Amino acid sequence: MLDLAERDAIMARDAIESGAAADYRALVEVFTRRKQDQLFFTKQAYLARFKKNLEQDMVTDPSHPYQRLLVALATSHKSHHDEPSRHIAKCDARRLYDAKNGGGTGSVDEAAILEMFSKRSIPQLRLALCSYKHIYGHDFTKVSRLNGLAGWPDGTEEEFGWRF
């Protein structure tokens, strides 16, 4: 019987090799539902079993709508132990708003968005997205798709468990 890390490593490999959106949902679940220490063991199991780094396989795989977002989550060093902060959430909501508007240039600042996703825990991101909706009156994810944020496919908020 496989342990959790080995099972996640095999699911990740299957998702990467298939490239199908449905299979990428397994990766979304692994990176959003596991704690940092569990992800560490999954990456180690992936390396031991397939002799490759999970992040490298995700980057070298043909482009997929979730790819950049998943790589940001996979390479993150966020803490899952801290309580979400309302102050940080409000600041992050403003950063998302500014990034969505490209700081006045009209283009989307994807680097700022991906940086936030790689540094915040899932509960903190949820709170930031809820704050965004409360402050600006609409969902960040829906507006981002309309504004052409690459790598933000339909249903992303549901995939990540961000139900408001």
N, C-alpha and C. Protein backbone atom coordinates (compact mmCIF):
# COMPACT_ATOMS: atom_id res chain seq x y z
N MET A 1 0.84 -1.17 0.00
CA MET A 1 0.00 0.00 0.00
C MET A 1 0.89 1.25 0.00
N LEU A 2 0.51 2.22 -0.80
CA LEU A 2 1.28 3.45 -0.92
C LEU A 2 0.95 4.43 0.20
N ASP A 3 1.96 5.16 0.65
CA ASP A 3 1.66 6.21 1.61
C ASP A 3 1.17 7.44 0.84
N LEU A 4 0.72 8.46 1.56
CA LEU A 4 0.12 9.64 0.95
C LEU A 4 1.07 10.34 -0.02
N ALA A 5 2.33 10.49 0.36
CA ALA A 5 3.30 11.18 -0.49
C ALA A 5 3.51 10.42 -1.80
N GLU A 6 3.63 9.10 -1.73
CA GLU A 6 3.82 8.29 -2.93
C GLU A 6 2.58 8.35 -3.83
N ARG A 7 1.40 8.29 -3.21
CA ARG A 7 0.16 8.37 -3.99
C ARG A 7 0.07 9.72 -4.70
N ASP A 8 0.38 10.80 -3.98
CA ASP A 8 0.34 12.13 -4.58
C ASP A 8 1.37 12.26 -5.70
N ALA A 9 2.55 11.67 -5.51
CA ALA A 9 3.58 11.72 -6.55
C ALA A 9 3.11 11.02 -7.83
N ILE A 10 2.47 9.88 -7.67
CA ILE A 10 1.97 9.14 -8.84
C ILE A 10 0.83 9.91 -9.51
N MET A 11 -0.07 10.47 -8.72
CA MET A 11 -1.16 11.29 -9.28
C MET A 11 -0.60 12.48 -10.04
N ALA A 12 0.43 13.11 -9.48
CA ALA A 12 1.04 14.27 -10.15
C ALA A 12 1.66 13.86 -11.47
N ARG A 13 2.36 12.76 -11.49
CA ARG A 13 3.00 12.28 -12.73
C ARG A 13 1.94 11.95 -13.78
N ASP A 14 0.89 11.27 -13.37
CA ASP A 14 -0.19 10.94 -14.31
C ASP A 14 -0.82 12.21 -14.88
N ALA A 15 -1.02 13.21 -14.03
CA ALA A 15 -1.63 14.47 -14.48
C ALA A 15 -0.72 15.18 -15.47
N ILE A 16 0.56 15.22 -15.17
CA ILE A 16 1.51 15.90 -16.06
C ILE A 16 1.61 15.18 -17.39
N GLU A 17 1.67 13.86 -17.37
CA GLU A 17 1.80 13.11 -18.61
C GLU A 17 0.54 13.19 -19.47
N SER A 18 -0.63 13.21 -18.85
CA SER A 18 -1.87 13.25 -19.62
C SER A 18 -2.14 14.64 -20.17
N GLY A 19 -1.87 15.67 -19.34
CA GLY A 19 -2.08 17.05 -19.77
C GLY A 19 -3.54 17.47 -19.84
N ALA A 20 -4.45 16.60 -19.47
CA ALA A 20 -5.87 16.92 -19.53
C ALA A 20 -6.26 17.81 -18.35
N ALA A 21 -7.21 18.70 -18.58
CA ALA A 21 -7.66 19.61 -17.52
C ALA A 21 -8.17 18.85 -16.31
N ALA A 22 -8.89 17.77 -16.54
CA ALA A 22 -9.43 16.98 -15.44
C ALA A 22 -8.29 16.41 -14.59
N ASP A 23 -7.20 16.01 -15.22
CA ASP A 23 -6.08 15.46 -14.47
C ASP A 23 -5.31 16.54 -13.72
N TYR A 24 -5.29 17.73 -14.27
CA TYR A 24 -4.61 18.83 -13.58
C TYR A 24 -5.34 19.19 -12.29
N ARG A 25 -6.60 18.85 -12.20
CA ARG A 25 -7.34 19.09 -10.95
C ARG A 25 -6.72 18.32 -9.80
N ALA A 26 -6.14 17.15 -10.10
CA ALA A 26 -5.46 16.39 -9.06
C ALA A 26 -4.26 17.17 -8.53
N LEU A 27 -3.53 17.83 -9.41
CA LEU A 27 -2.41 18.67 -8.97
C LEU A 27 -2.90 19.85 -8.14
N VAL A 28 -3.99 20.44 -8.57
CA VAL A 28 -4.56 21.55 -7.81
C VAL A 28 -4.87 21.09 -6.39
N GLU A 29 -5.47 19.93 -6.28
CA GLU A 29 -5.81 19.42 -4.95
C GLU A 29 -4.57 19.18 -4.11
N VAL A 30 -3.55 18.59 -4.71
CA VAL A 30 -2.32 18.31 -3.97
C VAL A 30 -1.72 19.61 -3.44
N PHE A 31 -1.62 20.61 -4.29
CA PHE A 31 -0.92 21.83 -3.89
C PHE A 31 -1.75 22.77 -3.03
N THR A 32 -3.06 22.61 -3.02
CA THR A 32 -3.87 23.50 -2.19
C THR A 32 -4.37 22.84 -0.91
N ARG A 33 -4.39 21.54 -0.86
CA ARG A 33 -4.95 20.85 0.31
C ARG A 33 -3.89 20.26 1.24
N ARG A 34 -2.64 20.21 0.78
CA ARG A 34 -1.60 19.61 1.61
C ARG A 34 -0.79 20.69 2.32
N LYS A 35 -0.32 20.35 3.49
CA LYS A 35 0.56 21.26 4.23
C LYS A 35 1.96 21.20 3.62
N GLN A 36 2.75 22.20 3.95
CA GLN A 36 4.08 22.34 3.36
C GLN A 36 4.95 21.11 3.60
N ASP A 37 4.91 20.54 4.80
CA ASP A 37 5.72 19.36 5.07
C ASP A 37 5.25 18.16 4.25
N GLN A 38 3.94 18.05 4.02
CA GLN A 38 3.42 16.97 3.18
C GLN A 38 3.87 17.15 1.74
N LEU A 39 3.88 18.38 1.26
CA LEU A 39 4.34 18.65 -0.10
C LEU A 39 5.82 18.30 -0.24
N PHE A 40 6.60 18.57 0.78
CA PHE A 40 8.01 18.22 0.75
C PHE A 40 8.18 16.72 0.52
N PHE A 41 7.43 15.91 1.27
CA PHE A 41 7.53 14.46 1.12
C PHE A 41 7.01 13.98 -0.23
N THR A 42 5.99 14.65 -0.75
CA THR A 42 5.49 14.31 -2.09
C THR A 42 6.56 14.58 -3.14
N LYS A 43 7.23 15.72 -3.04
CA LYS A 43 8.30 16.05 -3.99
C LYS A 43 9.45 15.07 -3.88
N GLN A 44 9.77 14.65 -2.66
CA GLN A 44 10.83 13.66 -2.46
C GLN A 44 10.44 12.31 -3.06
N ALA A 45 9.19 11.91 -2.85
CA ALA A 45 8.71 10.64 -3.41
C ALA A 45 8.72 10.70 -4.94
N TYR A 46 8.36 11.84 -5.49
CA TYR A 46 8.36 12.02 -6.95
C TYR A 46 9.78 11.87 -7.49
N LEU A 47 10.73 12.50 -6.82
CA LEU A 47 12.13 12.43 -7.23
C LEU A 47 12.66 11.00 -7.13
N ALA A 48 12.33 10.32 -6.05
CA ALA A 48 12.80 8.95 -5.84
C ALA A 48 12.21 8.00 -6.87
N ARG A 49 10.95 8.16 -7.17
CA ARG A 49 10.26 7.25 -8.07
C ARG A 49 10.55 7.52 -9.54
N PHE A 50 10.61 8.80 -9.93
CA PHE A 50 10.71 9.15 -11.35
C PHE A 50 12.05 9.76 -11.75
N LYS A 51 12.94 9.96 -10.76
CA LYS A 51 14.28 10.50 -11.01
C LYS A 51 14.25 11.88 -11.66
N LYS A 52 13.21 12.65 -11.38
CA LYS A 52 13.05 14.01 -11.88
C LYS A 52 12.41 14.85 -10.79
N ASN A 53 12.60 16.16 -10.87
CA ASN A 53 11.93 17.07 -9.95
C ASN A 53 10.53 17.36 -10.46
N LEU A 54 9.57 17.38 -9.56
CA LEU A 54 8.19 17.65 -9.92
C LEU A 54 8.05 19.02 -10.59
N GLU A 55 8.68 20.04 -10.01
CA GLU A 55 8.57 21.38 -10.57
C GLU A 55 9.11 21.45 -11.99
N GLN A 56 10.23 20.77 -12.25
CA GLN A 56 10.82 20.77 -13.59
C GLN A 56 9.89 20.09 -14.59
N ASP A 57 9.27 18.98 -14.18
CA ASP A 57 8.33 18.32 -15.08
C ASP A 57 7.13 19.20 -15.37
N MET A 58 6.69 19.96 -14.39
CA MET A 58 5.55 20.85 -14.61
C MET A 58 5.91 21.97 -15.58
N VAL A 59 7.13 22.45 -15.53
CA VAL A 59 7.56 23.54 -16.40
C VAL A 59 7.83 23.05 -17.80
N THR A 60 8.41 21.86 -17.94
CA THR A 60 8.76 21.36 -19.27
C THR A 60 7.58 20.74 -20.00
N ASP A 61 6.52 20.44 -19.26
CA ASP A 61 5.31 19.91 -19.88
C ASP A 61 4.72 20.97 -20.82
N PRO A 62 4.07 20.56 -21.91
CA PRO A 62 3.44 21.55 -22.79
C PRO A 62 2.54 22.49 -22.00
N SER A 63 2.47 23.71 -22.43
CA SER A 63 1.73 24.75 -21.72
C SER A 63 0.29 24.33 -21.44
N HIS A 64 -0.13 24.61 -20.25
CA HIS A 64 -1.48 24.30 -19.79
C HIS A 64 -1.99 25.52 -19.05
N PRO A 65 -3.29 25.81 -19.08
CA PRO A 65 -3.80 27.00 -18.40
C PRO A 65 -3.43 27.10 -16.92
N TYR A 66 -3.34 25.96 -16.23
CA TYR A 66 -3.01 25.99 -14.81
C TYR A 66 -1.50 26.07 -14.55
N GLN A 67 -0.69 25.92 -15.57
CA GLN A 67 0.73 25.69 -15.38
C GLN A 67 1.43 26.73 -14.50
N ARG A 68 1.34 27.99 -14.84
CA ARG A 68 2.07 29.00 -14.06
C ARG A 68 1.56 29.10 -12.63
N LEU A 69 0.27 28.97 -12.46
CA LEU A 69 -0.30 29.03 -11.12
C LEU A 69 0.16 27.83 -10.29
N LEU A 70 0.17 26.66 -10.88
CA LEU A 70 0.61 25.46 -10.17
C LEU A 70 2.09 25.52 -9.84
N VAL A 71 2.90 26.02 -10.75
CA VAL A 71 4.33 26.13 -10.47
C VAL A 71 4.56 27.10 -9.31
N ALA A 72 3.81 28.20 -9.28
CA ALA A 72 3.93 29.14 -8.16
C ALA A 72 3.57 28.46 -6.84
N LEU A 73 2.51 27.66 -6.85
CA LEU A 73 2.11 26.94 -5.64
C LEU A 73 3.13 25.87 -5.27
N ALA A 74 3.66 25.17 -6.28
CA ALA A 74 4.60 24.08 -6.02
C ALA A 74 5.92 24.57 -5.45
N THR A 75 6.34 25.74 -5.86
CA THR A 75 7.64 26.25 -5.42
C THR A 75 7.52 27.18 -4.22
N SER A 76 6.34 27.29 -3.67
CA SER A 76 6.12 28.24 -2.58
C SER A 76 6.77 27.75 -1.29
N HIS A 77 6.99 28.71 -0.43
CA HIS A 77 7.54 28.43 0.89
C HIS A 77 6.65 29.07 1.94
N LYS A 78 5.38 28.89 1.79
CA LYS A 78 4.43 29.56 2.67
C LYS A 78 4.19 28.77 3.94
N SER A 79 3.74 29.48 4.93
CA SER A 79 3.45 28.86 6.22
C SER A 79 1.97 28.52 6.29
N HIS A 80 1.67 27.33 6.75
CA HIS A 80 0.28 26.92 6.96
C HIS A 80 -0.08 26.99 8.44
N HIS A 81 0.83 27.49 9.26
CA HIS A 81 0.58 27.52 10.69
C HIS A 81 0.04 28.85 11.17
N ASP A 82 0.26 29.90 10.41
CA ASP A 82 -0.18 31.23 10.83
C ASP A 82 -1.68 31.39 10.60
N GLU A 83 -2.30 32.13 11.52
CA GLU A 83 -3.72 32.48 11.35
C GLU A 83 -3.80 33.54 10.26
N PRO A 84 -4.81 33.47 9.41
CA PRO A 84 -4.97 34.50 8.38
C PRO A 84 -5.16 35.87 9.02
N SER A 85 -4.54 36.87 8.43
CA SER A 85 -4.60 38.24 8.94
C SER A 85 -5.51 39.08 8.05
N ARG A 86 -6.47 39.75 8.66
CA ARG A 86 -7.37 40.64 7.91
C ARG A 86 -6.60 41.82 7.32
N HIS A 87 -5.65 42.33 8.06
CA HIS A 87 -4.86 43.45 7.55
C HIS A 87 -4.07 43.05 6.30
N ILE A 88 -3.40 41.89 6.37
CA ILE A 88 -2.66 41.40 5.20
C ILE A 88 -3.63 41.14 4.05
N ALA A 89 -4.80 40.60 4.36
CA ALA A 89 -5.80 40.31 3.32
C ALA A 89 -6.23 41.59 2.60
N LYS A 90 -6.45 42.66 3.36
CA LYS A 90 -6.83 43.93 2.73
C LYS A 90 -5.70 44.49 1.88
N CYS A 91 -4.48 44.38 2.36
CA CYS A 91 -3.32 44.83 1.57
C CYS A 91 -3.17 43.99 0.31
N ASP A 92 -3.37 42.68 0.44
CA ASP A 92 -3.28 41.79 -0.73
C ASP A 92 -4.40 42.07 -1.72
N ALA A 93 -5.59 42.39 -1.21
CA ALA A 93 -6.70 42.74 -2.11
C ALA A 93 -6.33 43.96 -2.93
N ARG A 94 -5.71 44.94 -2.30
CA ARG A 94 -5.27 46.14 -3.03
C ARG A 94 -4.19 45.79 -4.06
N ARG A 95 -3.26 44.91 -3.66
CA ARG A 95 -2.20 44.48 -4.60
C ARG A 95 -2.82 43.75 -5.79
N LEU A 96 -3.82 42.92 -5.53
CA LEU A 96 -4.49 42.22 -6.63
C LEU A 96 -5.19 43.21 -7.56
N TYR A 97 -5.85 44.21 -6.96
CA TYR A 97 -6.53 45.22 -7.76
C TYR A 97 -5.52 45.97 -8.63
N ASP A 98 -4.41 46.38 -8.01
CA ASP A 98 -3.38 47.10 -8.77
C ASP A 98 -2.76 46.21 -9.84
N ALA A 99 -2.52 44.94 -9.51
CA ALA A 99 -1.91 44.02 -10.49
C ALA A 99 -2.86 43.76 -11.65
N LYS A 100 -4.15 43.64 -11.33
CA LYS A 100 -5.15 43.41 -12.37
C LYS A 100 -5.20 44.56 -13.36
N ASN A 101 -4.95 45.75 -12.84
CA ASN A 101 -4.98 46.94 -13.68
C ASN A 101 -3.59 47.34 -14.18
N GLY A 102 -2.60 46.52 -13.89
CA GLY A 102 -1.25 46.76 -14.38
C GLY A 102 -0.63 48.05 -13.88
N GLY A 103 -1.03 48.49 -12.70
CA GLY A 103 -0.48 49.72 -12.15
C GLY A 103 -0.78 50.92 -13.02
N GLY A 104 -1.93 50.90 -13.71
CA GLY A 104 -2.32 52.02 -14.55
C GLY A 104 -1.92 51.87 -16.00
N THR A 105 -1.19 50.80 -16.34
CA THR A 105 -0.74 50.62 -17.72
C THR A 105 -1.78 49.90 -18.56
N GLY A 106 -2.79 49.32 -17.94
CA GLY A 106 -3.84 48.62 -18.67
C GLY A 106 -3.55 47.15 -18.89
N SER A 107 -2.34 46.69 -18.57
CA SER A 107 -2.02 45.28 -18.72
C SER A 107 -1.99 44.63 -17.34
N VAL A 108 -2.12 43.32 -17.32
CA VAL A 108 -2.15 42.57 -16.07
C VAL A 108 -0.72 42.27 -15.62
N ASP A 109 -0.43 42.53 -14.37
CA ASP A 109 0.89 42.23 -13.79
C ASP A 109 0.86 40.82 -13.21
N GLU A 110 1.06 39.82 -14.07
CA GLU A 110 0.99 38.43 -13.63
C GLU A 110 2.06 38.10 -12.61
N ALA A 111 3.23 38.69 -12.72
CA ALA A 111 4.32 38.39 -11.79
C ALA A 111 3.91 38.72 -10.35
N ALA A 112 3.24 39.84 -10.16
CA ALA A 112 2.81 40.23 -8.81
C ALA A 112 1.78 39.25 -8.27
N ILE A 113 0.88 38.81 -9.14
CA ILE A 113 -0.15 37.86 -8.72
C ILE A 113 0.46 36.51 -8.37
N LEU A 114 1.35 36.02 -9.22
CA LEU A 114 1.98 34.73 -8.96
C LEU A 114 2.88 34.78 -7.73
N GLU A 115 3.52 35.93 -7.49
CA GLU A 115 4.33 36.07 -6.29
C GLU A 115 3.46 35.92 -5.04
N MET A 116 2.30 36.55 -5.06
CA MET A 116 1.40 36.46 -3.92
C MET A 116 0.94 35.01 -3.71
N PHE A 117 0.60 34.34 -4.79
CA PHE A 117 0.14 32.97 -4.68
C PHE A 117 1.23 32.03 -4.17
N SER A 118 2.47 32.39 -4.41
CA SER A 118 3.56 31.53 -3.96
C SER A 118 3.97 31.82 -2.52
N LYS A 119 3.52 32.94 -1.95
CA LYS A 119 3.96 33.31 -0.61
C LYS A 119 2.87 33.23 0.45
N ARG A 120 1.63 33.12 0.06
CA ARG A 120 0.53 33.11 1.02
C ARG A 120 -0.04 31.70 1.18
N SER A 121 -0.51 31.42 2.37
CA SER A 121 -1.18 30.14 2.60
C SER A 121 -2.55 30.20 1.93
N ILE A 122 -3.14 29.05 1.73
CA ILE A 122 -4.46 28.97 1.10
C ILE A 122 -5.50 29.72 1.95
N PRO A 123 -5.53 29.55 3.28
CA PRO A 123 -6.50 30.34 4.06
C PRO A 123 -6.28 31.85 3.92
N GLN A 124 -5.02 32.28 3.83
CA GLN A 124 -4.75 33.71 3.66
C GLN A 124 -5.20 34.19 2.28
N LEU A 125 -4.99 33.36 1.25
CA LEU A 125 -5.46 33.72 -0.09
C LEU A 125 -6.99 33.80 -0.14
N ARG A 126 -7.64 32.86 0.51
CA ARG A 126 -9.11 32.89 0.56
C ARG A 126 -9.60 34.19 1.18
N LEU A 127 -8.97 34.57 2.29
CA LEU A 127 -9.36 35.80 2.97
C LEU A 127 -9.07 37.02 2.09
N ALA A 128 -7.97 37.02 1.39
CA ALA A 128 -7.64 38.13 0.49
C ALA A 128 -8.67 38.24 -0.64
N LEU A 129 -9.07 37.11 -1.19
CA LEU A 129 -10.06 37.13 -2.27
C LEU A 129 -11.44 37.54 -1.76
N CYS A 130 -11.77 37.13 -0.54
CA CYS A 130 -13.03 37.59 0.07
C CYS A 130 -12.97 39.10 0.32
N SER A 131 -11.83 39.59 0.80
CA SER A 131 -11.65 41.02 1.02
C SER A 131 -11.77 41.79 -0.29
N TYR A 132 -11.19 41.23 -1.34
CA TYR A 132 -11.26 41.86 -2.66
C TYR A 132 -12.72 42.03 -3.08
N LYS A 133 -13.49 40.96 -2.92
CA LYS A 133 -14.91 41.02 -3.30
C LYS A 133 -15.66 42.03 -2.45
N HIS A 134 -15.36 42.06 -1.16
CA HIS A 134 -16.03 43.00 -0.25
C HIS A 134 -15.68 44.45 -0.60
N ILE A 135 -14.42 44.72 -0.87
CA ILE A 135 -13.96 46.08 -1.13
C ILE A 135 -14.38 46.56 -2.52
N TYR A 136 -14.20 45.71 -3.54
CA TYR A 136 -14.40 46.15 -4.92
C TYR A 136 -15.73 45.71 -5.52
N GLY A 137 -16.48 44.87 -4.82
CA GLY A 137 -17.83 44.52 -5.25
C GLY A 137 -17.93 43.45 -6.32
N HIS A 138 -16.83 42.79 -6.64
CA HIS A 138 -16.87 41.70 -7.63
C HIS A 138 -15.71 40.73 -7.35
N ASP A 139 -15.84 39.53 -7.89
CA ASP A 139 -14.81 38.50 -7.70
C ASP A 139 -13.57 38.83 -8.52
N PHE A 140 -12.42 38.67 -7.93
CA PHE A 140 -11.16 38.86 -8.64
C PHE A 140 -11.02 37.86 -9.78
N THR A 141 -11.39 36.61 -9.54
CA THR A 141 -11.18 35.55 -10.53
C THR A 141 -12.00 35.78 -11.79
N LYS A 142 -13.24 36.22 -11.65
CA LYS A 142 -14.08 36.45 -12.83
C LYS A 142 -13.57 37.63 -13.64
N VAL A 143 -13.21 38.72 -12.98
CA VAL A 143 -12.70 39.90 -13.68
C VAL A 143 -11.36 39.59 -14.32
N SER A 144 -10.55 38.79 -13.66
CA SER A 144 -9.23 38.46 -14.20
C SER A 144 -9.35 37.68 -15.51
N ARG A 145 -10.30 36.76 -15.57
CA ARG A 145 -10.50 36.03 -16.83
C ARG A 145 -10.96 36.98 -17.93
N LEU A 146 -11.84 37.91 -17.59
CA LEU A 146 -12.33 38.88 -18.57
C LEU A 146 -11.20 39.79 -19.06
N ASN A 147 -10.25 40.10 -18.16
CA ASN A 147 -9.14 40.96 -18.52
C ASN A 147 -7.98 40.20 -19.16
N GLY A 148 -8.15 38.90 -19.32
CA GLY A 148 -7.15 38.12 -20.04
C GLY A 148 -5.97 37.67 -19.21
N LEU A 149 -6.16 37.42 -17.92
CA LEU A 149 -5.07 36.89 -17.12
C LEU A 149 -4.81 35.46 -17.56
N ALA A 150 -3.68 35.26 -18.20
CA ALA A 150 -3.32 33.93 -18.68
C ALA A 150 -3.16 32.98 -17.51
N GLY A 151 -3.54 31.74 -17.71
CA GLY A 151 -3.37 30.76 -16.65
C GLY A 151 -4.46 30.81 -15.61
N TRP A 152 -5.58 31.50 -15.91
CA TRP A 152 -6.67 31.58 -14.97
C TRP A 152 -7.93 31.05 -15.65
N PRO A 153 -8.02 29.73 -15.84
CA PRO A 153 -9.13 29.16 -16.58
C PRO A 153 -10.44 29.22 -15.81
N ASP A 154 -11.53 29.01 -16.53
CA ASP A 154 -12.85 28.99 -15.90
C ASP A 154 -12.87 27.96 -14.78
N GLY A 155 -13.56 28.32 -13.70
CA GLY A 155 -13.72 27.39 -12.59
C GLY A 155 -12.57 27.37 -11.62
N THR A 156 -11.57 28.25 -11.78
CA THR A 156 -10.40 28.21 -10.90
C THR A 156 -10.78 28.40 -9.45
N GLU A 157 -11.70 29.34 -9.19
CA GLU A 157 -12.06 29.59 -7.79
C GLU A 157 -12.69 28.36 -7.16
N GLU A 158 -13.46 27.59 -7.93
CA GLU A 158 -14.04 26.36 -7.38
C GLU A 158 -12.96 25.29 -7.20
N GLU A 159 -12.03 25.23 -8.17
CA GLU A 159 -10.96 24.24 -8.09
C GLU A 159 -10.14 24.43 -6.83
N PHE A 160 -9.89 25.66 -6.45
CA PHE A 160 -9.06 25.94 -5.30
C PHE A 160 -9.87 26.02 -4.01
N GLY A 161 -11.16 25.79 -4.11
CA GLY A 161 -11.99 25.82 -2.91
C GLY A 161 -12.29 27.22 -2.43
N TRP A 162 -12.21 28.20 -3.34
CA TRP A 162 -12.48 29.59 -2.98
C TRP A 162 -13.93 29.92 -3.29
N ARG A 163 -14.79 29.43 -2.44
CA ARG A 163 -16.21 29.71 -2.60
C ARG A 163 -16.56 30.87 -1.69
N PHE A 164 -17.20 31.87 -2.25
CA PHE A 164 -17.49 33.08 -1.47
C PHE A 164 -18.95 33.12 -1.10
